Amino acid sequence: MVLSDAERQTLQQWARRAKTTQALALRAKIVLACAEGTNNKDVAAALGIWPQTVTKWRARFVTDRLEGLSDEPRPGAARKITDEQVEAVIVKTLEEAPSNQDSHWSTRSMARATGMSQTAISRIWRAFGLKPHLVDTWKLSTDPQFIDKVRDVVGLYLDPPDKAMVLAVDEKSQMQALDRTAPMLPMMPGAPGRKTHDYVRHGTTSLFAALDIATGKVIGQHQRRHRHQEFLRFLKTIDANTPKDQGHQVKGFGLVSSAVPG
């Protein structure tokens, strides 16, 4: 087997390059070894492969040269959807809205608009991470002091004053107080946690909670109603569960507890 300088250089690059597939690198090593005059059995023994493998790729190279080392076309139906069709679906999904009253594209409506099947549309959307049925909401505040307030609160969390306690306070109202008719069964290997479908209603409750940013401690309290009287009662609960040398004040979006000077 005689190699030209260009063939030898290409085979050496295929055998050395890390990005070359392992199969192609092995085939290049087989041809290079055979070109040195080594017989098939010795090449197979040196590379740790079967002699039949050496015979196959040696014959392929003699017949088709470098092109013979590539994989042959695999069996199966040829690809029917072109890159241009895929691009058209993506552009239509991102830049156009359905012509009917639908708020977003579905696989059916996109299939009708492009003349493709629903399965093809679904595959294209999954491949490019497109989910037309999902919409996130957002809102801009109209408060002219919104930016200053955000900076104050975030700055307080990230860099609180010396010897200060920062509490993030929130409230959840109208929580259903439900009592199951039987105790909940815990989760076990092969079985999820289980609970009865029926329950007894005990009205609603309001939860007030304060998170200590520094320690992670939570001060919580349930109230039957959700008024300023209940919130003031919760502030007294915070005062009873924090050091007595701390003063409390409401600022921005939450509660700030700062050390009293001196």
C-alpha atoms as a PDB file:
ATOM      1  CA  MET A   1       0.000   0.000   0.000  1.00  0.00           C
ATOM      2  CA  VAL A   2       1.450   3.337  -1.104  1.00  0.00           C
ATOM      3  CA  LEU A   3       0.296   6.661   0.358  1.00  0.00           C
ATOM      4  CA  SER A   4       0.693  10.079  -1.129  1.00  0.00           C
ATOM      5  CA  ASP A   5       2.100  12.864   1.002  1.00  0.00           C
ATOM      6  CA  ALA A   6      -1.341  14.498   1.268  1.00  0.00           C
ATOM      7  CA  GLU A   7      -2.992  11.212   2.279  1.00  0.00           C
ATOM      8  CA  ARG A   8      -0.340  10.463   4.888  1.00  0.00           C
ATOM      9  CA  GLN A   9      -0.653  13.948   6.386  1.00  0.00           C
ATOM     10  CA  THR A  10      -4.455  13.682   6.547  1.00  0.00           C
ATOM     11  CA  LEU A  11      -4.333  10.232   8.143  1.00  0.00           C
ATOM     12  CA  GLN A  12      -1.816  11.393  10.727  1.00  0.00           C
ATOM     13  CA  GLN A  13      -4.065  14.337  11.609  1.00  0.00           C
ATOM     14  CA  TRP A  14      -7.083  12.053  11.974  1.00  0.00           C
ATOM     15  CA  ALA A  15      -5.113   9.701  14.211  1.00  0.00           C
ATOM     16  CA  ARG A  16      -3.836  12.523  16.480  1.00  0.00           C
ATOM     17  CA  ARG A  17      -6.680  14.991  16.736  1.00  0.00           C
ATOM     18  CA  ALA A  18      -8.718  14.769  19.941  1.00  0.00           C
ATOM     19  CA  LYS A  19     -11.914  15.862  18.164  1.00  0.00           C
ATOM     20  CA  THR A  20     -11.747  13.041  15.632  1.00  0.00           C
ATOM     21  CA  THR A  21     -14.131  10.219  16.436  1.00  0.00           C
ATOM     22  CA  GLN A  22     -12.501   7.157  17.939  1.00  0.00           C
ATOM     23  CA  ALA A  23     -13.699   4.987  15.062  1.00  0.00           C
ATOM     24  CA  LEU A  24     -12.154   7.231  12.390  1.00  0.00           C
ATOM     25  CA  ALA A  25      -8.918   7.573  14.388  1.00  0.00           C
ATOM     26  CA  LEU A  26      -8.624   3.780  14.606  1.00  0.00           C
ATOM     27  CA  ARG A  27      -9.180   3.396  10.853  1.00  0.00           C
ATOM     28  CA  ALA A  28      -6.472   5.978  10.163  1.00  0.00           C
ATOM     29  CA  LYS A  29      -4.034   4.082  12.418  1.00  0.00           C
ATOM     30  CA  ILE A  30      -4.841   0.842  10.570  1.00  0.00           C
ATOM     31  CA  VAL A  31      -4.048   2.354   7.173  1.00  0.00           C
ATOM     32  CA  LEU A  32      -0.849   4.022   8.429  1.00  0.00           C
ATOM     33  CA  ALA A  33       0.374   0.745   9.906  1.00  0.00           C
ATOM     34  CA  CYS A  34      -0.459  -1.175   6.742  1.00  0.00           C
ATOM     35  CA  ALA A  35       1.414   1.417   4.674  1.00  0.00           C
ATOM     36  CA  GLU A  36       4.567   0.586   6.645  1.00  0.00           C
ATOM     37  CA  GLY A  37       4.465  -2.930   5.203  1.00  0.00           C
ATOM     38  CA  THR A  38       3.110  -4.621   8.343  1.00  0.00           C
ATOM     39  CA  ASN A  39       0.833  -7.584   7.701  1.00  0.00           C
ATOM     40  CA  ASN A  40      -2.761  -7.630   8.866  1.00  0.00           C
ATOM     41  CA  LYS A  41      -2.213  -9.955  11.825  1.00  0.00           C
ATOM     42  CA  ASP A  42       0.610  -7.846  13.262  1.00  0.00           C
ATOM     43  CA  VAL A  43      -1.426  -4.660  12.826  1.00  0.00           C
ATOM     44  CA  ALA A  44      -4.388  -6.276  14.573  1.00  0.00           C
ATOM     45  CA  ALA A  45      -2.190  -7.463  17.433  1.00  0.00           C
ATOM     46  CA  ALA A  46      -0.584  -4.012  17.852  1.00  0.00           C
ATOM     47  CA  LEU A  47      -3.934  -2.215  17.906  1.00  0.00           C
ATOM     48  CA  GLY A  48      -5.818  -4.869  19.894  1.00  0.00           C
ATOM     49  CA  ILE A  49      -8.460  -5.545  17.249  1.00  0.00           C
ATOM     50  CA  TRP A  50      -9.563  -8.457  15.084  1.00  0.00           C
ATOM     51  CA  PRO A  51      -7.625  -9.205  11.863  1.00  0.00           C
ATOM     52  CA  GLN A  52     -10.927  -9.096   9.961  1.00  0.00           C
ATOM     53  CA  THR A  53     -11.267  -5.429  10.953  1.00  0.00           C
ATOM     54  CA  VAL A  54      -7.864  -4.638   9.501  1.00  0.00           C
ATOM     55  CA  THR A  55      -8.725  -6.484   6.288  1.00  0.00           C
ATOM     56  CA  LYS A  56     -12.002  -4.583   5.920  1.00  0.00           C
ATOM     57  CA  TRP A  57     -10.589  -1.065   6.257  1.00  0.00           C
ATOM     58  CA  ARG A  58      -7.470  -1.846   4.264  1.00  0.00           C
ATOM     59  CA  ALA A  59      -9.634  -2.971   1.364  1.00  0.00           C
ATOM     60  CA  ARG A  60     -11.947   0.037   1.719  1.00  0.00           C
ATOM     61  CA  PHE A  61      -8.976   2.405   1.562  1.00  0.00           C
ATOM     62  CA  VAL A  62      -7.459   0.684  -1.484  1.00  0.00           C
ATOM     63  CA  THR A  63     -10.798   1.034  -3.309  1.00  0.00           C
ATOM     64  CA  ASP A  64     -12.003   4.501  -2.252  1.00  0.00           C
ATOM     65  CA  ARG A  65      -8.902   6.006  -0.582  1.00  0.00           C
ATOM     66  CA  LEU A  66      -9.741   8.534   2.183  1.00  0.00           C
ATOM     67  CA  GLU A  67     -13.463   8.584   1.396  1.00  0.00           C
ATOM     68  CA  GLY A  68     -13.600   4.851   2.068  1.00  0.00           C
ATOM     69  CA  LEU A  69     -12.829   5.367   5.764  1.00  0.00           C
ATOM     70  CA  SER A  70     -16.069   7.281   6.357  1.00  0.00           C
ATOM     71  CA  ASP A  71     -19.215   5.519   7.523  1.00  0.00           C
ATOM     72  CA  GLU A  72     -21.569   4.361   4.824  1.00  0.00           C
ATOM     73  CA  PRO A  73     -25.073   5.862   4.730  1.00  0.00           C
ATOM     74  CA  ARG A  74     -27.228   4.206   7.353  1.00  0.00           C
ATOM     75  CA  PRO A  75     -30.415   2.400   6.351  1.00  0.00           C
ATOM     76  CA  GLY A  76     -33.795   4.026   6.859  1.00  0.00           C
ATOM     77  CA  ALA A  77     -36.014   6.640   5.331  1.00  0.00           C
ATOM     78  CA  ALA A  78     -34.344   9.783   4.045  1.00  0.00           C
ATOM     79  CA  ARG A  79     -34.918  13.057   5.872  1.00  0.00           C
ATOM     80  CA  LYS A  80     -38.019  14.812   4.534  1.00  0.00           C
ATOM     81  CA  ILE A  81     -37.936  18.091   6.507  1.00  0.00           C
ATOM     82  CA  THR A  82     -35.321  20.534   5.251  1.00  0.00           C
ATOM     83  CA  ASP A  83     -33.390  23.104   7.258  1.00  0.00           C
ATOM     84  CA  GLU A  84     -35.356  25.846   5.512  1.00  0.00           C
ATOM     85  CA  GLN A  85     -38.640  24.355   6.742  1.00  0.00           C
ATOM     86  CA  VAL A  86     -37.316  24.132  10.300  1.00  0.00           C
ATOM     87  CA  GLU A  87     -36.192  27.765  10.136  1.00  0.00           C
ATOM     88  CA  ALA A  88     -39.599  28.817   8.826  1.00  0.00           C
ATOM     89  CA  VAL A  89     -41.364  27.129  11.765  1.00  0.00           C
ATOM     90  CA  ILE A  90     -39.043  28.787  14.295  1.00  0.00           C
ATOM     91  CA  VAL A  91     -39.424  32.242  12.735  1.00  0.00           C
ATOM     92  CA  LYS A  92     -43.208  31.885  12.551  1.00  0.00           C
ATOM     93  CA  THR A  93     -43.373  30.765  16.176  1.00  0.00           C
ATOM     94  CA  LEU A  94     -41.268  33.671  17.443  1.00  0.00           C
ATOM     95  CA  GLU A  95     -42.392  36.524  15.199  1.00  0.00           C
ATOM     96  CA  GLU A  96     -45.993  35.852  14.190  1.00  0.00           C
ATOM     97  CA  ALA A  97     -49.290  35.320  16.011  1.00  0.00           C
ATOM     98  CA  PRO A  98     -52.099  32.988  14.944  1.00  0.00           C
ATOM     99  CA  SER A  99     -54.529  34.588  12.513  1.00  0.00           C
ATOM    100  CA  ASN A 100     -57.568  33.297  14.432  1.00  0.00           C
ATOM    101  CA  GLN A 101     -58.703  34.113  17.956  1.00  0.00           C
ATOM    102  CA  ASP A 102     -56.131  31.821  19.611  1.00  0.00           C
ATOM    103  CA  SER A 103     -53.810  33.567  22.031  1.00  0.00           C
ATOM    104  CA  HIS A 104     -50.818  31.394  21.159  1.00  0.00           C
ATOM    105  CA  TRP A 105     -49.645  28.795  18.678  1.00  0.00           C
ATOM    106  CA  SER A 106     -50.514  25.135  19.183  1.00  0.00           C
ATOM    107  CA  THR A 107     -49.085  22.148  17.344  1.00  0.00           C
ATOM    108  CA  ARG A 108     -52.352  21.841  15.419  1.00  0.00           C
ATOM    109  CA  SER A 109     -52.537  25.483  14.329  1.00  0.00           C
ATOM    110  CA  MET A 110     -48.846  25.585  13.406  1.00  0.00           C
ATOM    111  CA  ALA A 111     -49.199  22.339  11.450  1.00  0.00           C
ATOM    112  CA  ARG A 112     -52.096  23.831   9.473  1.00  0.00           C
ATOM    113  CA  ALA A 113     -50.168  27.047   8.819  1.00  0.00           C
ATOM    114  CA  THR A 114     -46.987  25.305   7.614  1.00  0.00           C
ATOM    115  CA  GLY A 115     -48.410  22.172   6.001  1.00  0.00           C
ATOM    116  CA  MET A 116     -46.404  19.916   8.313  1.00  0.00           C
ATOM    117  CA  SER A 117     -47.501  17.261  10.771  1.00  0.00           C
ATOM    118  CA  GLN A 118     -48.136  17.873  14.475  1.00  0.00           C
ATOM    119  CA  THR A 119     -45.380  15.403  15.328  1.00  0.00           C
ATOM    120  CA  ALA A 120     -42.852  17.361  13.267  1.00  0.00           C
ATOM    121  CA  ILE A 121     -43.875  20.659  14.894  1.00  0.00           C
ATOM    122  CA  SER A 122     -43.602  19.097  18.349  1.00  0.00           C
ATOM    123  CA  ARG A 123     -40.116  17.757  17.591  1.00  0.00           C
ATOM    124  CA  ILE A 124     -38.915  21.124  16.315  1.00  0.00           C
ATOM    125  CA  TRP A 125     -40.269  22.987  19.351  1.00  0.00           C
ATOM    126  CA  ARG A 126     -38.685  20.502  21.760  1.00  0.00           C
ATOM    127  CA  ALA A 127     -35.346  20.684  19.952  1.00  0.00           C
ATOM    128  CA  PHE A 128     -35.222  24.488  20.261  1.00  0.00           C
ATOM    129  CA  GLY A 129     -36.903  24.771  23.679  1.00  0.00           C
ATOM    130  CA  LEU A 130     -39.974  26.649  22.414  1.00  0.00           C
ATOM    131  CA  LYS A 131     -43.129  26.529  24.568  1.00  0.00           C
ATOM    132  CA  PRO A 132     -45.785  28.857  23.107  1.00  0.00           C
ATOM    133  CA  HIS A 133     -48.367  27.732  25.686  1.00  0.00           C
ATOM    134  CA  LEU A 134     -46.315  29.114  28.605  1.00  0.00           C
ATOM    135  CA  VAL A 135     -46.488  32.821  29.457  1.00  0.00           C
ATOM    136  CA  ASP A 136     -44.816  34.570  32.385  1.00  0.00           C
ATOM    137  CA  THR A 137     -46.330  37.768  33.760  1.00  0.00           C
ATOM    138  CA  TRP A 138     -44.457  40.809  34.979  1.00  0.00           C
ATOM    139  CA  LYS A 139     -45.350  44.259  36.271  1.00  0.00           C
ATOM    140  CA  LEU A 140     -43.691  47.642  36.435  1.00  0.00           C
ATOM    141  CA  SER A 141     -44.229  49.661  39.593  1.00  0.00           C
ATOM    142  CA  THR A 142     -45.647  53.163  39.214  1.00  0.00           C
ATOM    143  CA  ASP A 143     -44.161  54.273  42.527  1.00  0.00           C
ATOM    144  CA  PRO A 144     -41.725  57.130  41.757  1.00  0.00           C
ATOM    145  CA  GLN A 145     -39.622  56.088  44.769  1.00  0.00           C
ATOM    146  CA  PHE A 146     -39.576  52.384  43.841  1.00  0.00           C
ATOM    147  CA  ILE A 147     -35.877  52.264  42.877  1.00  0.00           C
ATOM    148  CA  ASP A 148     -34.792  54.060  46.044  1.00  0.00           C
ATOM    149  CA  LYS A 149     -36.889  51.693  48.176  1.00  0.00           C
ATOM    150  CA  VAL A 150     -35.468  48.616  46.479  1.00  0.00           C
ATOM    151  CA  ARG A 151     -31.928  49.874  46.986  1.00  0.00           C
ATOM    152  CA  ASP A 152     -32.648  50.550  50.658  1.00  0.00           C
ATOM    153  CA  VAL A 153     -34.112  47.094  51.304  1.00  0.00           C
ATOM    154  CA  VAL A 154     -31.579  45.105  49.265  1.00  0.00           C
ATOM    155  CA  GLY A 155     -28.715  47.120  50.699  1.00  0.00           C
ATOM    156  CA  LEU A 156     -30.055  46.482  54.197  1.00  0.00           C
ATOM    157  CA  TYR A 157     -30.099  42.718  53.568  1.00  0.00           C
ATOM    158  CA  LEU A 158     -26.638  42.619  51.987  1.00  0.00           C
ATOM    159  CA  ASP A 159     -24.888  45.058  54.318  1.00  0.00           C
ATOM    160  CA  PRO A 160     -26.873  45.617  57.547  1.00  0.00           C
ATOM    161  CA  PRO A 161     -25.740  48.229  60.072  1.00  0.00           C
ATOM    162  CA  ASP A 162     -23.346  47.208  62.832  1.00  0.00           C
ATOM    163  CA  LYS A 163     -25.037  45.395  65.755  1.00  0.00           C
ATOM    164  CA  ALA A 164     -28.395  45.378  63.953  1.00  0.00           C
ATOM    165  CA  MET A 165     -31.017  42.671  63.507  1.00  0.00           C
ATOM    166  CA  VAL A 166     -32.784  42.621  60.123  1.00  0.00           C
ATOM    167  CA  LEU A 167     -36.155  40.865  59.964  1.00  0.00           C
ATOM    168  CA  ALA A 168     -37.970  40.118  56.727  1.00  0.00           C
ATOM    169  CA  VAL A 169     -41.680  40.149  57.553  1.00  0.00           C
ATOM    170  CA  ASP A 170     -44.478  38.764  55.432  1.00  0.00           C
ATOM    171  CA  GLU A 171     -48.051  37.637  55.885  1.00  0.00           C
ATOM    172  CA  LYS A 172     -50.317  35.055  54.300  1.00  0.00           C
ATOM    173  CA  SER A 173     -54.030  35.548  54.769  1.00  0.00           C
ATOM    174  CA  GLN A 174     -57.085  33.364  54.132  1.00  0.00           C
ATOM    175  CA  MET A 175     -55.239  30.071  54.601  1.00  0.00           C
ATOM    176  CA  GLN A 176     -57.642  27.135  54.866  1.00  0.00           C
ATOM    177  CA  ALA A 177     -57.363  25.306  58.182  1.00  0.00           C
ATOM    178  CA  LEU A 178     -58.057  21.720  57.140  1.00  0.00           C
ATOM    179  CA  ASP A 179     -58.057  18.615  59.310  1.00  0.00           C
ATOM    180  CA  ARG A 180     -57.888  15.217  57.600  1.00  0.00           C
ATOM    181  CA  THR A 181     -60.246  12.529  58.856  1.00  0.00           C
ATOM    182  CA  ALA A 182     -57.294  10.165  59.367  1.00  0.00           C
ATOM    183  CA  PRO A 183     -53.579  10.677  60.051  1.00  0.00           C
ATOM    184  CA  MET A 184     -51.389  11.006  56.984  1.00  0.00           C
ATOM    185  CA  LEU A 185     -49.372   7.889  56.134  1.00  0.00           C
ATOM    186  CA  PRO A 186     -45.650   8.574  55.681  1.00  0.00           C
ATOM    187  CA  MET A 187     -43.710   7.887  52.517  1.00  0.00           C
ATOM    188  CA  MET A 188     -42.095   4.442  52.258  1.00  0.00           C
ATOM    189  CA  PRO A 189     -39.785   2.799  49.693  1.00  0.00           C
ATOM    190  CA  GLY A 190     -41.867   2.288  46.570  1.00  0.00           C
ATOM    191  CA  ALA A 191     -44.888   4.151  47.959  1.00  0.00           C
ATOM    192  CA  PRO A 192     -45.581   7.911  48.194  1.00  0.00           C
ATOM    193  CA  GLY A 193     -47.025   9.678  51.203  1.00  0.00           C
ATOM    194  CA  ARG A 194     -50.760   9.102  51.429  1.00  0.00           C
ATOM    195  CA  LYS A 195     -53.697  11.013  52.885  1.00  0.00           C
ATOM    196  CA  THR A 196     -57.460  10.714  52.840  1.00  0.00           C
ATOM    197  CA  HIS A 197     -59.424  12.632  50.248  1.00  0.00           C
ATOM    198  CA  ASP A 198     -61.952  13.958  52.779  1.00  0.00           C
ATOM    199  CA  TYR A 199     -61.281  16.555  55.447  1.00  0.00           C
ATOM    200  CA  VAL A 200     -62.987  18.832  57.960  1.00  0.00           C
ATOM    201  CA  ARG A 201     -62.876  22.607  57.456  1.00  0.00           C
ATOM    202  CA  HIS A 202     -62.019  24.786  60.435  1.00  0.00           C
ATOM    203  CA  GLY A 203     -62.378  28.128  58.714  1.00  0.00           C
ATOM    204  CA  THR A 204     -59.384  30.183  57.662  1.00  0.00           C
ATOM    205  CA  THR A 205     -56.298  31.492  59.409  1.00  0.00           C
ATOM    206  CA  SER A 206     -53.731  34.210  58.744  1.00  0.00           C
ATOM    207  CA  LEU A 207     -50.017  33.529  59.127  1.00  0.00           C
ATOM    208  CA  PHE A 208     -47.572  36.240  60.153  1.00  0.00           C
ATOM    209  CA  ALA A 209     -43.862  35.403  59.964  1.00  0.00           C
ATOM    210  CA  ALA A 210     -40.552  37.194  60.458  1.00  0.00           C
ATOM    211  CA  LEU A 211     -37.243  35.794  59.166  1.00  0.00           C
ATOM    212  CA  ASP A 212     -33.997  36.765  60.851  1.00  0.00           C
ATOM    213  CA  ILE A 213     -31.710  37.356  57.853  1.00  0.00           C
ATOM    214  CA  ALA A 214     -28.520  36.686  59.831  1.00  0.00           C
ATOM    215  CA  THR A 215     -29.458  33.467  61.658  1.00  0.00           C
ATOM    216  CA  GLY A 216     -32.367  32.066  59.659  1.00  0.00           C
ATOM    217  CA  LYS A 217     -34.604  31.946  62.744  1.00  0.00           C
ATOM    218  CA  VAL A 218     -38.317  32.360  61.998  1.00  0.00           C
ATOM    219  CA  ILE A 219     -40.820  33.957  64.365  1.00  0.00           C
ATOM    220  CA  GLY A 220     -44.348  32.986  63.367  1.00  0.00           C
ATOM    221  CA  GLN A 221     -47.861  33.478  64.667  1.00  0.00           C
ATOM    222  CA  HIS A 222     -51.368  32.502  63.516  1.00  0.00           C
ATOM    223  CA  GLN A 223     -54.236  34.967  63.810  1.00  0.00           C
ATOM    224  CA  ARG A 224     -57.926  34.390  63.156  1.00  0.00           C
ATOM    225  CA  ARG A 225     -58.331  37.704  61.360  1.00  0.00           C
ATOM    226  CA  HIS A 226     -56.184  39.922  59.138  1.00  0.00           C
ATOM    227  CA  ARG A 227     -56.321  43.511  60.402  1.00  0.00           C
ATOM    228  CA  HIS A 228     -53.930  46.102  61.748  1.00  0.00           C
ATOM    229  CA  GLN A 229     -54.780  44.929  65.257  1.00  0.00           C
ATOM    230  CA  GLU A 230     -53.431  41.470  64.458  1.00  0.00           C
ATOM    231  CA  PHE A 231     -50.302  42.915  62.903  1.00  0.00           C
ATOM    232  CA  LEU A 232     -49.644  45.043  65.982  1.00  0.00           C
ATOM    233  CA  ARG A 233     -50.118  41.938  68.104  1.00  0.00           C
ATOM    234  CA  PHE A 234     -47.524  40.176  65.961  1.00  0.00           C
ATOM    235  CA  LEU A 235     -45.105  43.064  66.465  1.00  0.00           C
ATOM    236  CA  LYS A 236     -45.432  42.521  70.203  1.00  0.00           C
ATOM    237  CA  THR A 237     -44.626  38.843  69.649  1.00  0.00           C
ATOM    238  CA  ILE A 238     -41.465  39.884  67.780  1.00  0.00           C
ATOM    239  CA  ASP A 239     -40.544  42.227  70.595  1.00  0.00           C
ATOM    240  CA  ALA A 240     -40.958  39.416  73.128  1.00  0.00           C
ATOM    241  CA  ASN A 241     -38.680  37.091  71.113  1.00  0.00           C
ATOM    242  CA  THR A 242     -35.837  39.487  70.337  1.00  0.00           C
ATOM    243  CA  PRO A 243     -33.153  41.064  72.567  1.00  0.00           C
ATOM    244  CA  LYS A 244     -34.509  43.840  74.741  1.00  0.00           C
ATOM    245  CA  ASP A 245     -31.782  46.302  73.759  1.00  0.00           C
ATOM    246  CA  GLN A 246     -33.107  46.429  70.196  1.00  0.00           C
ATOM    247  CA  GLY A 247     -35.583  48.985  68.856  1.00  0.00           C
ATOM    248  CA  HIS A 248     -38.004  48.180  66.040  1.00  0.00           C
ATOM    249  CA  GLN A 249     -39.236  50.296  63.197  1.00  0.00           C
ATOM    250  CA  VAL A 250     -41.132  49.694  59.974  1.00  0.00           C
ATOM    251  CA  LYS A 251     -39.218  50.665  56.844  1.00  0.00           C
ATOM    252  CA  GLY A 252     -39.752  50.004  53.138  1.00  0.00           C
ATOM    253  CA  PHE A 253     -41.230  46.569  52.458  1.00  0.00           C
ATOM    254  CA  GLY A 254     -40.554  44.926  55.776  1.00  0.00           C
ATOM    255  CA  LEU A 255     -39.521  45.245  59.363  1.00  0.00           C
ATOM    256  CA  VAL A 256     -36.124  46.551  60.365  1.00  0.00           C
ATOM    257  CA  SER A 257     -34.782  45.973  63.849  1.00  0.00           C
ATOM    258  CA  SER A 258     -31.807  48.194  64.557  1.00  0.00           C
ATOM    259  CA  ALA A 259     -29.646  48.577  67.620  1.00  0.00           C
ATOM    260  CA  VAL A 260     -30.411  51.505  69.839  1.00  0.00           C
ATOM    261  CA  PRO A 261     -27.435  53.946  69.870  1.00  0.00           C
ATOM    262  CA  GLY A 262     -25.441  53.604  73.038  1.00  0.00           C
END
